[in-house]
């Protein structure tokens, strides 16, 4: 499976675990994957972005932008997902949720 340079970089050390979902396998299990429509595929290709090649599986699928903060007991403490990629979860809210866990 081909990976983008961003995916193949070694992750920076964090004081918490972070999921790297190669192939959208986990996102698929939670229904957080969508297939790019044909008109957007053409636009991506005009910009030199071959998502099917980058995905390594021939698909034009992307994950829904989402963040989940899960504590050590497996309880979801914060969750945000929106299929509109222009409305990303605010990073400060994620940091706030992590801080609450750290102080608990």
PDB file of N, CA and C in Angstrom:
ATOM      1  N   UNK A   1       0.843  -1.175   0.000  1.00  0.00           N
ATOM      2  CA  UNK A   1       0.000   0.000   0.000  1.00  0.00           C
ATOM      3  C   UNK A   1       0.893   1.245   0.000  1.00  0.00           C
ATOM      4  N   UNK A   2       0.637   2.142  -0.926  1.00  0.00           N
ATOM      5  CA  UNK A   2       1.393   3.399  -0.981  1.00  0.00           C
ATOM      6  C   UNK A   2       0.917   4.335   0.114  1.00  0.00           C
ATOM      7  N   UNK A   3       1.840   5.080   0.653  1.00  0.00           N
ATOM      8  CA  UNK A   3       1.491   6.037   1.699  1.00  0.00           C
ATOM      9  C   UNK A   3       1.989   7.415   1.275  1.00  0.00           C
ATOM     10  N   UNK A   4       1.298   8.424   1.739  1.00  0.00           N
ATOM     11  CA  UNK A   4       1.741   9.783   1.459  1.00  0.00           C
ATOM     12  C   UNK A   4       2.930  10.095   2.355  1.00  0.00           C
ATOM     13  N   UNK A   5       3.761  11.093   1.989  1.00  0.00           N
ATOM     14  CA  UNK A   5       4.890  11.442   2.857  1.00  0.00           C
ATOM     15  C   UNK A   5       4.460  11.760   4.279  1.00  0.00           C
ATOM     16  N   UNK A   6       3.320  12.417   4.428  1.00  0.00           N
ATOM     17  CA  UNK A   6       2.817  12.771   5.761  1.00  0.00           C
ATOM     18  C   UNK A   6       2.556  11.517   6.597  1.00  0.00           C
ATOM     19  N   UNK A   7       2.058  10.455   5.946  1.00  0.00           N
ATOM     20  CA  UNK A   7       1.747   9.222   6.655  1.00  0.00           C
ATOM     21  C   UNK A   7       2.993   8.412   7.001  1.00  0.00           C
ATOM     22  N   UNK A   8       4.055   8.564   6.215  1.00  0.00           N
ATOM     23  CA  UNK A   8       5.238   7.751   6.440  1.00  0.00           C
ATOM     24  C   UNK A   8       6.220   8.386   7.412  1.00  0.00           C
ATOM     25  N   UNK A   9       6.032   9.656   7.720  1.00  0.00           N
ATOM     26  CA  UNK A   9       6.894  10.304   8.708  1.00  0.00           C
ATOM     27  C   UNK A   9       6.693   9.669  10.068  1.00  0.00           C
ATOM     28  N   UNK A  10       7.761   9.572  10.815  1.00  0.00           N
ATOM     29  CA  UNK A  10       7.631   9.080  12.180  1.00  0.00           C
ATOM     30  C   UNK A  10       6.866  10.121  12.997  1.00  0.00           C
ATOM     31  N   UNK A  11       5.892   9.672  13.775  1.00  0.00           N
ATOM     32  CA  UNK A  11       5.125  10.636  14.570  1.00  0.00           C
ATOM     33  C   UNK A  11       5.996  11.283  15.639  1.00  0.00           C
ATOM     34  N   UNK A  12       5.645  12.505  15.955  1.00  0.00           N
ATOM     35  CA  UNK A  12       6.330  13.214  17.036  1.00  0.00           C
ATOM     36  C   UNK A  12       5.925  12.574  18.364  1.00  0.00           C
ATOM     37  N   UNK A  13       6.801  12.580  19.341  1.00  0.00           N
ATOM     38  CA  UNK A  13       6.429  11.973  20.626  1.00  0.00           C
ATOM     39  C   UNK A  13       5.364  12.817  21.341  1.00  0.00           C
ATOM     40  N   UNK A  14       4.303  12.159  21.742  1.00  0.00           N
ATOM     41  CA  UNK A  14       3.228  12.810  22.484  1.00  0.00           C
ATOM     42  C   UNK A  14       3.079  12.090  23.819  1.00  0.00           C
ATOM     43  N   UNK A  15       2.589  12.776  24.839  1.00  0.00           N
ATOM     44  CA  UNK A  15       2.392  12.112  26.123  1.00  0.00           C
ATOM     45  C   UNK A  15       1.091  11.295  26.154  1.00  0.00           C
ATOM     46  N   UNK A  16       0.523  11.024  25.001  1.00  0.00           N
ATOM     47  CA  UNK A  16      -0.702  10.251  24.882  1.00  0.00           C
ATOM     48  C   UNK A  16      -0.639   9.465  23.582  1.00  0.00           C
ATOM     49  N   UNK A  17      -1.496   8.465  23.458  1.00  0.00           N
ATOM     50  CA  UNK A  17      -1.536   7.670  22.240  1.00  0.00           C
ATOM     51  C   UNK A  17      -2.374   8.377  21.184  1.00  0.00           C
ATOM     52  N   UNK A  18      -1.953   8.249  19.923  1.00  0.00           N
ATOM     53  CA  UNK A  18      -2.702   8.832  18.829  1.00  0.00           C
ATOM     54  C   UNK A  18      -2.856   7.774  17.740  1.00  0.00           C
ATOM     55  N   UNK A  19      -4.065   7.608  17.259  1.00  0.00           N
ATOM     56  CA  UNK A  19      -4.340   6.636  16.211  1.00  0.00           C
ATOM     57  C   UNK A  19      -3.900   7.178  14.858  1.00  0.00           C
ATOM     58  N   UNK A  20      -3.169   6.380  14.115  1.00  0.00           N
ATOM     59  CA  UNK A  20      -2.849   6.679  12.717  1.00  0.00           C
ATOM     60  C   UNK A  20      -3.599   5.638  11.900  1.00  0.00           C
ATOM     61  N   UNK A  21      -4.632   6.054  11.221  1.00  0.00           N
ATOM     62  CA  UNK A  21      -5.569   5.142  10.568  1.00  0.00           C
ATOM     63  C   UNK A  21      -5.245   4.961   9.087  1.00  0.00           C
ATOM     64  N   UNK A  22      -4.196   4.185   8.809  1.00  0.00           N
ATOM     65  CA  UNK A  22      -3.841   3.905   7.421  1.00  0.00           C
ATOM     66  C   UNK A  22      -4.974   3.144   6.743  1.00  0.00           C
ATOM     67  N   UNK A  23      -5.343   3.581   5.549  1.00  0.00           N
ATOM     68  CA  UNK A  23      -6.391   2.913   4.796  1.00  0.00           C
ATOM     69  C   UNK A  23      -7.790   3.148   5.314  1.00  0.00           C
ATOM     70  N   UNK A  24      -7.956   4.077   6.247  1.00  0.00           N
ATOM     71  CA  UNK A  24      -9.279   4.416   6.789  1.00  0.00           C
ATOM     72  C   UNK A  24      -9.995   3.216   7.394  1.00  0.00           C
ATOM     73  N   UNK A  25      -9.240   2.234   7.878  1.00  0.00           N
ATOM     74  CA  UNK A  25      -9.854   1.012   8.382  1.00  0.00           C
ATOM     75  C   UNK A  25     -10.700   1.243   9.629  1.00  0.00           C
ATOM     76  N   UNK A  26     -10.208   2.028  10.558  1.00  0.00           N
ATOM     77  CA  UNK A  26     -10.973   2.298  11.785  1.00  0.00           C
ATOM     78  C   UNK A  26     -12.137   3.237  11.476  1.00  0.00           C
ATOM     79  N   UNK A  27     -11.871   4.282  10.694  1.00  0.00           N
ATOM     80  CA  UNK A  27     -12.944   5.219  10.329  1.00  0.00           C
ATOM     81  C   UNK A  27     -14.086   4.486   9.640  1.00  0.00           C
ATOM     82  N   UNK A  28     -13.771   3.518   8.820  1.00  0.00           N
ATOM     83  CA  UNK A  28     -14.798   2.731   8.133  1.00  0.00           C
ATOM     84  C   UNK A  28     -15.692   2.005   9.135  1.00  0.00           C
ATOM     85  N   UNK A  29     -15.101   1.454  10.178  1.00  0.00           N
ATOM     86  CA  UNK A  29     -15.879   0.717  11.185  1.00  0.00           C
ATOM     87  C   UNK A  29     -16.876   1.616  11.906  1.00  0.00           C
ATOM     88  N   UNK A  30     -16.579   2.907  11.977  1.00  0.00           N
ATOM     89  CA  UNK A  30     -17.453   3.849  12.667  1.00  0.00           C
ATOM     90  C   UNK A  30     -18.306   4.676  11.699  1.00  0.00           C
ATOM     91  N   UNK A  31     -18.292   4.301  10.431  1.00  0.00           N
ATOM     92  CA  UNK A  31     -19.103   5.015   9.453  1.00  0.00           C
ATOM     93  C   UNK A  31     -18.625   6.424   9.184  1.00  0.00           C
ATOM     94  N   UNK A  32     -17.320   6.651   9.314  1.00  0.00           N
ATOM     95  CA  UNK A  32     -16.750   7.990   9.144  1.00  0.00           C
ATOM     96  C   UNK A  32     -15.894   8.096   7.888  1.00  0.00           C
ATOM     97  N   UNK A  33     -16.340   7.444   6.810  1.00  0.00           N
ATOM     98  CA  UNK A  33     -15.615   7.492   5.542  1.00  0.00           C
ATOM     99  C   UNK A  33     -16.613   7.830   4.438  1.00  0.00           C
ATOM    100  N   UNK A  34     -16.174   8.639   3.481  1.00  0.00           N
ATOM    101  CA  UNK A  34     -17.033   8.948   2.341  1.00  0.00           C
ATOM    102  C   UNK A  34     -16.214   8.862   1.064  1.00  0.00           C
ATOM    103  N   UNK A  35     -16.896   8.656  -0.034  1.00  0.00           N
ATOM    104  CA  UNK A  35     -16.252   8.585  -1.348  1.00  0.00           C
ATOM    105  C   UNK A  35     -16.419   9.923  -2.045  1.00  0.00           C
ATOM    106  N   UNK A  36     -15.320  10.440  -2.554  1.00  0.00           N
ATOM    107  CA  UNK A  36     -15.331  11.726  -3.243  1.00  0.00           C
ATOM    108  C   UNK A  36     -16.178  11.636  -4.513  1.00  0.00           C
ATOM    109  N   UNK A  37     -17.073  12.581  -4.772  1.00  0.00           N
ATOM    110  CA  UNK A  37     -17.870  12.566  -6.003  1.00  0.00           C
ATOM    111  C   UNK A  37     -16.983  12.821  -7.229  1.00  0.00           C
ATOM    112  N   UNK A  38     -17.465  12.385  -8.383  1.00  0.00           N
ATOM    113  CA  UNK A  38     -16.689  12.488  -9.625  1.00  0.00           C
ATOM    114  C   UNK A  38     -16.216  13.906  -9.928  1.00  0.00           C
ATOM    115  N   UNK A  39     -17.074  14.924  -9.701  1.00  0.00           N
ATOM    116  CA  UNK A  39     -16.671  16.290 -10.025  1.00  0.00           C
ATOM    117  C   UNK A  39     -15.484  16.738  -9.163  1.00  0.00           C
ATOM    118  N   UNK A  40     -15.444  16.304  -7.914  1.00  0.00           N
ATOM    119  CA  UNK A  40     -14.319  16.660  -7.052  1.00  0.00           C
ATOM    120  C   UNK A  40     -13.070  15.860  -7.406  1.00  0.00           C
ATOM    121  N   UNK A  41     -13.249  14.644  -7.884  1.00  0.00           N
ATOM    122  CA  UNK A  41     -12.095  13.849  -8.332  1.00  0.00           C
ATOM    123  C   UNK A  41     -11.362  14.597  -9.442  1.00  0.00           C
ATOM    124  N   UNK A  42     -12.124  15.137 -10.384  1.00  0.00           N
ATOM    125  CA  UNK A  42     -11.520  15.880 -11.494  1.00  0.00           C
ATOM    126  C   UNK A  42     -10.728  17.082 -10.991  1.00  0.00           C
ATOM    127  N   UNK A  43     -11.282  17.783 -10.015  1.00  0.00           N
ATOM    128  CA  UNK A  43     -10.591  18.951  -9.449  1.00  0.00           C
ATOM    129  C   UNK A  43      -9.310  18.505  -8.749  1.00  0.00           C
ATOM    130  N   UNK A  44      -9.383  17.455  -7.952  1.00  0.00           N
ATOM    131  CA  UNK A  44      -8.186  16.935  -7.272  1.00  0.00           C
ATOM    132  C   UNK A  44      -7.106  16.595  -8.299  1.00  0.00           C
ATOM    133  N   UNK A  45      -7.500  15.891  -9.357  1.00  0.00           N
ATOM    134  CA  UNK A  45      -6.530  15.487 -10.384  1.00  0.00           C
ATOM    135  C   UNK A  45      -5.907  16.692 -11.082  1.00  0.00           C
ATOM    136  N   UNK A  46      -6.684  17.759 -11.290  1.00  0.00           N
ATOM    137  CA  UNK A  46      -6.131  18.976 -11.898  1.00  0.00           C
ATOM    138  C   UNK A  46      -5.052  19.591 -11.027  1.00  0.00           C
ATOM    139  N   UNK A  47      -5.151  19.386  -9.710  1.00  0.00           N
ATOM    140  CA  UNK A  47      -4.133  19.885  -8.783  1.00  0.00           C
ATOM    141  C   UNK A  47      -3.029  18.859  -8.543  1.00  0.00           C
ATOM    142  N   UNK A  48      -3.067  17.762  -9.282  1.00  0.00           N
ATOM    143  CA  UNK A  48      -2.037  16.745  -9.146  1.00  0.00           C
ATOM    144  C   UNK A  48      -2.219  15.829  -7.954  1.00  0.00           C
ATOM    145  N   UNK A  49      -3.429  15.791  -7.401  1.00  0.00           N
ATOM    146  CA  UNK A  49      -3.698  14.939  -6.242  1.00  0.00           C
ATOM    147  C   UNK A  49      -4.439  13.693  -6.719  1.00  0.00           C
ATOM    148  N   UNK A  50      -3.737  12.579  -6.727  1.00  0.00           N
ATOM    149  CA  UNK A  50      -4.337  11.305  -7.113  1.00  0.00           C
ATOM    150  C   UNK A  50      -4.633  10.524  -5.840  1.00  0.00           C
ATOM    151  N   UNK A  51      -5.792  10.773  -5.284  1.00  0.00           N
ATOM    152  CA  UNK A  51      -6.171  10.179  -4.014  1.00  0.00           C
ATOM    153  C   UNK A  51      -6.206   8.658  -4.099  1.00  0.00           C
ATOM    154  N   UNK A  52      -6.651   8.119  -5.215  1.00  0.00           N
ATOM    155  CA  UNK A  52      -6.707   6.664  -5.379  1.00  0.00           C
ATOM    156  C   UNK A  52      -5.305   6.066  -5.262  1.00  0.00           C
ATOM    157  N   UNK A  53      -4.330   6.718  -5.845  1.00  0.00           N
ATOM    158  CA  UNK A  53      -2.945   6.255  -5.741  1.00  0.00           C
ATOM    159  C   UNK A  53      -2.411   6.456  -4.325  1.00  0.00           C
ATOM    160  N   UNK A  54      -2.711   7.626  -3.752  1.00  0.00           N
ATOM    161  CA  UNK A  54      -2.256   7.915  -2.395  1.00  0.00           C
ATOM    162  C   UNK A  54      -2.849   6.981  -1.365  1.00  0.00           C
ATOM    163  N   UNK A  55      -4.105   6.603  -1.565  1.00  0.00           N
ATOM    164  CA  UNK A  55      -4.746   5.660  -0.645  1.00  0.00           C
ATOM    165  C   UNK A  55      -4.138   4.266  -0.771  1.00  0.00           C
ATOM    166  N   UNK A  56      -3.566   3.987  -1.945  1.00  0.00           N
ATOM    167  CA  UNK A  56      -2.927   2.694  -2.153  1.00  0.00           C
ATOM    168  C   UNK A  56      -3.893   1.558  -2.403  1.00  0.00           C
ATOM    169  N   UNK A  57      -5.167   1.870  -2.493  1.00  0.00           N
ATOM    170  CA  UNK A  57      -6.145   0.806  -2.720  1.00  0.00           C
ATOM    171  C   UNK A  57      -7.094   1.137  -3.873  1.00  0.00           C
ATOM    172  N   UNK A  58      -6.767   2.190  -4.625  1.00  0.00           N
ATOM    173  CA  UNK A  58      -7.579   2.552  -5.782  1.00  0.00           C
ATOM    174  C   UNK A  58      -8.868   3.282  -5.451  1.00  0.00           C
ATOM    175  N   UNK A  59      -9.115   3.584  -4.184  1.00  0.00           N
ATOM    176  CA  UNK A  59     -10.366   4.232  -3.807  1.00  0.00           C
ATOM    177  C   UNK A  59     -10.188   5.745  -3.705  1.00  0.00           C
ATOM    178  N   UNK A  60     -11.287   6.417  -3.873  1.00  0.00           N
ATOM    179  CA  UNK A  60     -11.343   7.874  -3.712  1.00  0.00           C
ATOM    180  C   UNK A  60     -12.093   8.179  -2.427  1.00  0.00           C
ATOM    181  N   UNK A  61     -11.669   7.548  -1.354  1.00  0.00           N
ATOM    182  CA  UNK A  61     -12.338   7.691  -0.065  1.00  0.00           C
ATOM    183  C   UNK A  61     -11.504   8.550   0.876  1.00  0.00           C
ATOM    184  N   UNK A  62     -12.215   9.314   1.690  1.00  0.00           N
ATOM    185  CA  UNK A  62     -11.583  10.151   2.709  1.00  0.00           C
ATOM    186  C   UNK A  62     -12.315   9.960   4.027  1.00  0.00           C
ATOM    187  N   UNK A  63     -11.612  10.158   5.139  1.00  0.00           N
ATOM    188  CA  UNK A  63     -12.309  10.095   6.432  1.00  0.00           C
ATOM    189  C   UNK A  63     -13.033  11.406   6.712  1.00  0.00           C
ATOM    190  N   UNK A  64     -14.119  11.322   7.436  1.00  0.00           N
ATOM    191  CA  UNK A  64     -14.798  12.512   7.932  1.00  0.00           C
ATOM    192  C   UNK A  64     -13.889  13.113   9.009  1.00  0.00           C
ATOM    193  N   UNK A  65     -13.613  14.414   8.941  1.00  0.00           N
ATOM    194  CA  UNK A  65     -12.787  15.022   9.995  1.00  0.00           C
ATOM    195  C   UNK A  65     -13.437  14.802  11.366  1.00  0.00           C
ATOM    196  N   UNK A  66     -12.692  14.183  12.259  1.00  0.00           N
ATOM    197  CA  UNK A  66     -13.240  13.856  13.576  1.00  0.00           C
ATOM    198  C   UNK A  66     -12.119  13.775  14.605  1.00  0.00           C
ATOM    199  N   UNK A  67     -12.490  14.020  15.843  1.00  0.00           N
ATOM    200  CA  UNK A  67     -11.567  13.840  16.974  1.00  0.00           C
ATOM    201  C   UNK A  67     -12.339  13.181  18.095  1.00  0.00           C
ATOM    202  N   UNK A  68     -11.677  12.211  18.718  1.00  0.00           N
ATOM    203  CA  UNK A  68     -12.239  11.527  19.876  1.00  0.00           C
ATOM    204  C   UNK A  68     -11.175  11.513  20.956  1.00  0.00           C
ATOM    205  N   UNK A  69     -11.551  11.878  22.156  1.00  0.00           N
ATOM    206  CA  UNK A  69     -10.659  11.775  23.308  1.00  0.00           C
ATOM    207  C   UNK A  69     -11.230  10.648  24.161  1.00  0.00           C
ATOM    208  N   UNK A  70     -10.418   9.598  24.338  1.00  0.00           N
ATOM    209  CA  UNK A  70     -10.860   8.402  25.043  1.00  0.00           C
ATOM    210  C   UNK A  70      -9.945   8.190  26.242  1.00  0.00           C
ATOM    211  N   UNK A  71     -10.543   8.001  27.417  1.00  0.00           N
ATOM    212  CA  UNK A  71      -9.711   7.832  28.616  1.00  0.00           C
ATOM    213  C   UNK A  71      -9.162   6.405  28.702  1.00  0.00           C
ATOM    214  N   UNK A  72      -8.375   6.148  29.711  1.00  0.00           N
ATOM    215  CA  UNK A  72      -7.706   4.850  29.856  1.00  0.00           C
ATOM    216  C   UNK A  72      -8.686   3.703  30.101  1.00  0.00           C
ATOM    217  N   UNK A  73      -9.899   4.017  30.526  1.00  0.00           N
ATOM    218  CA  UNK A  73     -10.915   2.984  30.732  1.00  0.00           C
ATOM    219  C   UNK A  73     -11.735   2.744  29.459  1.00  0.00           C
ATOM    220  N   UNK A  74     -11.415   3.463  28.393  1.00  0.00           N
ATOM    221  CA  UNK A  74     -12.123   3.293  27.131  1.00  0.00           C
ATOM    222  C   UNK A  74     -13.382   4.125  27.008  1.00  0.00           C
ATOM    223  N   UNK A  75     -13.564   5.089  27.897  1.00  0.00           N
ATOM    224  CA  UNK A  75     -14.748   5.955  27.861  1.00  0.00           C
ATOM    225  C   UNK A  75     -14.452   7.166  26.992  1.00  0.00           C
ATOM    226  N   UNK A  76     -15.338   7.438  26.045  1.00  0.00           N
ATOM    227  CA  UNK A  76     -15.182   8.606  25.174  1.00  0.00           C
ATOM    228  C   UNK A  76     -15.524   9.849  25.976  1.00  0.00           C
ATOM    229  N   UNK A  77     -14.566  10.737  26.150  1.00  0.00           N
ATOM    230  CA  UNK A  77     -14.753  11.957  26.946  1.00  0.00           C
ATOM    231  C   UNK A  77     -15.042  13.181  26.090  1.00  0.00           C
ATOM    232  N   UNK A  78     -14.692  13.117  24.814  1.00  0.00           N
ATOM    233  CA  UNK A  78     -14.985  14.213  23.889  1.00  0.00           C
ATOM    234  C   UNK A  78     -15.071  13.619  22.488  1.00  0.00           C
ATOM    235  N   UNK A  79     -16.045  14.078  21.721  1.00  0.00           N
ATOM    236  CA  UNK A  79     -16.215  13.577  20.356  1.00  0.00           C
ATOM    237  C   UNK A  79     -16.745  14.694  19.471  1.00  0.00           C
ATOM    238  N   UNK A  80     -16.136  14.837  18.330  1.00  0.00           N
ATOM    239  CA  UNK A  80     -16.599  15.809  17.338  1.00  0.00           C
ATOM    240  C   UNK A  80     -16.366  15.218  15.960  1.00  0.00           C
ATOM    241  N   UNK A  81     -17.369  15.290  15.095  1.00  0.00           N
ATOM    242  CA  UNK A  81     -17.245  14.838  13.714  1.00  0.00           C
ATOM    243  C   UNK A  81     -18.205  15.652  12.865  1.00  0.00           C
ATOM    244  N   UNK A  82     -17.741  16.047  11.687  1.00  0.00           N
ATOM    245  CA  UNK A  82     -18.585  16.821  10.780  1.00  0.00           C
ATOM    246  C   UNK A  82     -18.175  16.482   9.353  1.00  0.00           C
ATOM    247  N   UNK A  83     -19.112  16.008   8.534  1.00  0.00           N
ATOM    248  CA  UNK A  83     -18.763  15.657   7.157  1.00  0.00           C
ATOM    249  C   UNK A  83     -18.323  16.851   6.310  1.00  0.00           C
ATOM    250  N   UNK A  84     -18.613  18.060   6.746  1.00  0.00           N
ATOM    251  CA  UNK A  84     -18.164  19.253   6.035  1.00  0.00           C
ATOM    252  C   UNK A  84     -16.718  19.537   6.456  1.00  0.00           C
ATOM    253  N   UNK A  85     -15.773  19.203   5.562  1.00  0.00           N
ATOM    254  CA  UNK A  85     -14.352  19.322   5.912  1.00  0.00           C
ATOM    255  C   UNK A  85     -13.925  20.749   6.232  1.00  0.00           C
ATOM    256  N   UNK A  86     -14.744  21.735   5.880  1.00  0.00           N
ATOM    257  CA  UNK A  86     -14.369  23.127   6.172  1.00  0.00           C
ATOM    258  C   UNK A  86     -14.664  23.486   7.629  1.00  0.00           C
ATOM    259  N   UNK A  87     -15.407  22.627   8.316  1.00  0.00           N
ATOM    260  CA  UNK A  87     -15.725  22.867   9.730  1.00  0.00           C
ATOM    261  C   UNK A  87     -14.995  21.833  10.568  1.00  0.00           C
ATOM    262  N   UNK A  88     -13.735  22.086  10.810  1.00  0.00           N
ATOM    263  CA  UNK A  88     -12.894  21.156  11.572  1.00  0.00           C
ATOM    264  C   UNK A  88     -13.079  21.383  13.067  1.00  0.00           C
ATOM    265  N   UNK A  89     -12.917  20.312  13.849  1.00  0.00           N
ATOM    266  CA  UNK A  89     -12.973  20.495  15.297  1.00  0.00           C
ATOM    267  C   UNK A  89     -11.887  21.475  15.751  1.00  0.00           C
ATOM    268  N   UNK A  90     -12.223  22.342  16.662  1.00  0.00           N
ATOM    269  CA  UNK A  90     -11.295  23.342  17.176  1.00  0.00           C
ATOM    270  C   UNK A  90     -10.212  22.654  18.010  1.00  0.00           C
ATOM    271  N   UNK A  91      -8.936  22.786  17.647  1.00  0.00           N
ATOM    272  CA  UNK A  91      -7.859  22.134  18.406  1.00  0.00           C
ATOM    273  C   UNK A  91      -7.864  22.496  19.888  1.00  0.00           C
ATOM    274  N   UNK A  92      -8.198  23.719  20.217  1.00  0.00           N
ATOM    275  CA  UNK A  92      -8.192  24.135  21.625  1.00  0.00           C
ATOM    276  C   UNK A  92      -9.175  23.310  22.444  1.00  0.00           C
ATOM    277  N   UNK A  93     -10.285  22.905  21.850  1.00  0.00           N
ATOM    278  CA  UNK A  93     -11.260  22.083  22.570  1.00  0.00           C
ATOM    279  C   UNK A  93     -10.703  20.691  22.853  1.00  0.00           C
ATOM    280  N   UNK A  94      -9.911  20.179  21.915  1.00  0.00           N
ATOM    281  CA  UNK A  94      -9.280  18.876  22.126  1.00  0.00           C
ATOM    282  C   UNK A  94      -8.246  18.966  23.239  1.00  0.00           C
ATOM    283  N   UNK A  95      -7.440  20.017  23.213  1.00  0.00           N
ATOM    284  CA  UNK A  95      -6.431  20.218  24.257  1.00  0.00           C
ATOM    285  C   UNK A  95      -7.119  20.345  25.610  1.00  0.00           C
ATOM    286  N   UNK A  96      -8.216  21.073  25.650  1.00  0.00           N
ATOM    287  CA  UNK A  96      -8.969  21.252  26.904  1.00  0.00           C
ATOM    288  C   UNK A  96      -9.448  19.893  27.442  1.00  0.00           C
ATOM    289  N   UNK A  97      -9.954  19.042  26.558  1.00  0.00           N
ATOM    290  CA  UNK A  97     -10.413  17.718  26.980  1.00  0.00           C
ATOM    291  C   UNK A  97      -9.251  16.875  27.498  1.00  0.00           C
ATOM    292  N   UNK A  98      -8.105  16.987  26.843  1.00  0.00           N
ATOM    293  CA  UNK A  98      -6.921  16.247  27.292  1.00  0.00           C
ATOM    294  C   UNK A  98      -6.439  16.746  28.648  1.00  0.00           C
ATOM    295  N   UNK A  99      -6.488  18.047  28.828  1.00  0.00           N
ATOM    296  CA  UNK A  99      -6.068  18.629  30.109  1.00  0.00           C
ATOM    297  C   UNK A  99      -6.971  18.143  31.243  1.00  0.00           C
ATOM    298  N   UNK A 100      -8.258  18.066  30.990  1.00  0.00           N
ATOM    299  CA  UNK A 100      -9.192  17.583  32.014  1.00  0.00           C
ATOM    300  C   UNK A 100      -8.847  16.151  32.419  1.00  0.00           C
ATOM    301  N   UNK A 101      -8.470  15.331  31.430  1.00  0.00           N
ATOM    302  CA  UNK A 101      -8.088  13.949  31.744  1.00  0.00           C
ATOM    303  C   UNK A 101      -6.802  13.908  32.561  1.00  0.00           C
ATOM    304  N   UNK A 102      -5.884  14.778  32.217  1.00  0.00           N
ATOM    305  CA  UNK A 102      -4.590  14.815  32.912  1.00  0.00           C
ATOM    306  C   UNK A 102      -4.784  15.194  34.375  1.00  0.00           C
ATOM    307  N   UNK A 103      -5.726  16.089  34.630  1.00  0.00           N
ATOM    308  CA  UNK A 103      -5.950  16.571  35.987  1.00  0.00           C
ATOM    309  C   UNK A 103      -6.855  15.635  36.802  1.00  0.00           C
ATOM    310  N   UNK A 104      -7.524  14.721  36.124  1.00  0.00           N
ATOM    311  CA  UNK A 104      -8.461  13.809  36.818  1.00  0.00           C
ATOM    312  C   UNK A 104      -7.720  12.728  37.599  1.00  0.00           C
TER     313      UNK A 104
END
